[in-house]
Amino acid sequence: MNLGFMFLPIYRGWVVVFSLVVCLATWYLIEATRLGAYLRAATENPTLVRAFGINVPRMITLTYGLGVGLAALAGVLSAPINQVRPADGRRPHHRRVRGGGDRRHGLDHGIDHHRLCARRDRGT
């Protein structure tokens, strides 16, 4: 889509709109619902909320779970934008490893990480 000042791919526009909807829905959930009121009260005075018969640890745990779910959703939505390559994370850098053995027992083998990776890639 041509916005006049930039070209915006349709998928990215959809991601922006969807993200705004999710953001507003989350804000509404926290600020304008009974669940949000309980959650806000539980973070300030959990003993009082527990007196109303609400399981505060479970509610806080589910809130963290919702946050993890939102983070996962953001990762899924950004995957096509952040072109992930198959070699990502495989060998981020080569460096000489000092004390490549078990340092707790004082073993220092001076392992050359680059050579080890090259051998591994060759299959030897």
Protein backbone atom coordinates (compact mmCIF):
# COMPACT_ATOMS: atom_id res chain seq x y z
CA MET A 1 0.00 0.00 0.00
CA ASN A 2 1.25 3.46 -0.87
CA LEU A 3 0.66 5.75 2.12
CA GLY A 4 2.03 8.78 0.33
CA PHE A 5 5.15 9.06 2.46
CA MET A 6 6.09 5.35 2.41
CA PHE A 7 5.18 1.97 0.99
CA LEU A 8 3.72 -0.40 3.57
CA PRO A 9 3.37 -4.10 2.78
CA ILE A 10 -0.15 -5.35 3.47
CA TYR A 11 1.05 -7.95 5.97
CA ARG A 12 2.88 -5.33 8.03
CA GLY A 13 -0.19 -3.12 8.03
CA TRP A 14 -2.26 -6.06 9.23
CA VAL A 15 0.28 -6.73 12.01
CA VAL A 16 0.12 -3.09 13.15
CA VAL A 17 -3.70 -3.07 13.20
CA PHE A 18 -3.91 -6.47 14.93
CA SER A 19 -1.30 -5.39 17.51
CA LEU A 20 -3.27 -2.23 18.28
CA VAL A 21 -6.45 -4.29 18.74
CA VAL A 22 -4.67 -6.72 21.09
CA CYS A 23 -3.13 -3.80 23.01
CA LEU A 24 -6.48 -2.06 23.43
CA ALA A 25 -8.18 -5.32 24.43
CA THR A 26 -5.50 -5.96 27.06
CA TRP A 27 -5.85 -2.42 28.39
CA TYR A 28 -9.64 -2.81 28.53
CA LEU A 29 -9.28 -6.15 30.34
CA ILE A 30 -7.05 -4.64 33.00
CA GLU A 31 -8.80 -1.29 33.43
CA ALA A 32 -12.52 -1.86 32.83
CA THR A 33 -13.44 -5.39 33.91
CA ARG A 34 -14.04 -7.06 37.25
CA LEU A 35 -11.09 -9.37 36.59
CA GLY A 36 -8.86 -6.35 36.08
CA ALA A 37 -10.11 -4.79 39.31
CA TYR A 38 -9.32 -8.00 41.19
CA LEU A 39 -5.89 -8.13 39.60
CA ARG A 40 -5.09 -4.52 40.47
CA ALA A 41 -6.33 -5.05 44.02
CA ALA A 42 -4.37 -8.29 44.38
CA THR A 43 -1.10 -6.57 43.49
CA GLU A 44 -1.70 -3.89 46.14
CA ASN A 45 -3.33 -5.87 48.96
CA PRO A 46 -3.38 -9.63 48.36
CA THR A 47 -4.64 -10.41 51.87
CA LEU A 48 -7.83 -8.41 51.32
CA VAL A 49 -8.49 -10.03 47.93
CA ARG A 50 -7.85 -13.47 49.44
CA ALA A 51 -10.54 -12.65 52.03
CA PHE A 52 -13.04 -12.32 49.15
CA GLY A 53 -12.33 -15.95 48.27
CA ILE A 54 -10.08 -15.32 45.28
CA ASN A 55 -7.04 -17.52 44.79
CA VAL A 56 -4.44 -14.75 44.40
CA PRO A 57 -1.39 -16.94 43.50
CA ARG A 58 -3.39 -18.65 40.75
CA MET A 59 -4.61 -15.31 39.39
CA ILE A 60 -1.07 -13.87 39.36
CA THR A 61 0.25 -17.02 37.69
CA LEU A 62 -2.44 -16.85 35.01
CA THR A 63 -1.58 -13.19 34.47
CA TYR A 64 2.05 -14.10 33.86
CA GLY A 65 0.86 -16.86 31.54
CA LEU A 66 -1.18 -14.32 29.58
CA GLY A 67 1.94 -12.17 29.29
CA VAL A 68 3.92 -15.14 27.97
CA GLY A 69 1.14 -15.84 25.47
CA LEU A 70 1.19 -12.23 24.28
CA ALA A 71 4.98 -12.39 23.86
CA ALA A 72 4.62 -15.61 21.85
CA LEU A 73 1.95 -13.98 19.70
CA ALA A 74 4.27 -11.05 19.02
CA GLY A 75 7.03 -13.45 18.02
CA VAL A 76 4.76 -15.32 15.63
CA LEU A 77 3.51 -12.08 14.07
CA SER A 78 7.04 -10.78 13.57
CA ALA A 79 8.47 -14.01 12.12
CA PRO A 80 7.81 -13.14 8.45
CA ILE A 81 9.16 -9.63 9.01
CA ASN A 82 12.36 -10.74 10.78
CA GLN A 83 13.57 -13.17 8.17
CA VAL A 84 14.96 -16.06 10.19
CA ARG A 85 17.76 -17.95 8.46
CA PRO A 86 18.50 -21.64 9.09
CA ALA A 87 22.05 -20.93 10.31
CA ASP A 88 20.95 -18.41 12.95
CA GLY A 89 22.23 -19.36 16.37
CA ARG A 90 24.42 -22.17 15.08
CA ARG A 91 27.85 -20.58 15.41
CA PRO A 92 27.49 -16.95 16.44
CA HIS A 93 31.24 -16.37 16.81
CA HIS A 94 34.54 -18.15 16.96
CA ARG A 95 36.87 -17.57 19.84
CA ARG A 96 39.64 -19.29 21.63
CA VAL A 97 38.29 -20.98 24.73
CA ARG A 98 40.70 -20.97 27.65
CA GLY A 99 40.06 -23.64 30.19
CA GLY A 100 37.76 -25.51 27.88
CA GLY A 101 37.80 -28.46 30.22
CA ASP A 102 36.29 -28.49 33.64
CA ARG A 103 37.58 -25.41 35.44
CA ARG A 104 36.37 -26.65 38.79
CA HIS A 105 39.05 -29.35 38.67
CA GLY A 106 41.75 -27.09 37.22
CA LEU A 107 41.82 -28.70 33.78
CA ASP A 108 42.99 -26.27 31.12
CA HIS A 109 43.14 -27.73 27.64
CA GLY A 110 43.26 -24.47 25.65
CA ILE A 111 40.60 -25.67 23.18
CA ASP A 112 40.51 -23.83 19.89
CA HIS A 113 36.77 -23.39 19.31
CA HIS A 114 37.16 -22.57 15.61
CA ARG A 115 38.98 -25.84 14.89
CA LEU A 116 36.44 -27.85 16.86
CA CYS A 117 33.57 -26.32 14.88
CA ALA A 118 35.38 -26.94 11.59
CA ARG A 119 35.95 -30.60 12.53
CA ARG A 120 32.33 -30.96 13.57
CA ASP A 121 31.13 -29.52 10.27
CA ARG A 122 33.39 -31.86 8.27
CA GLY A 123 32.17 -34.82 10.28
CA THR A 124 35.60 -35.82 11.59
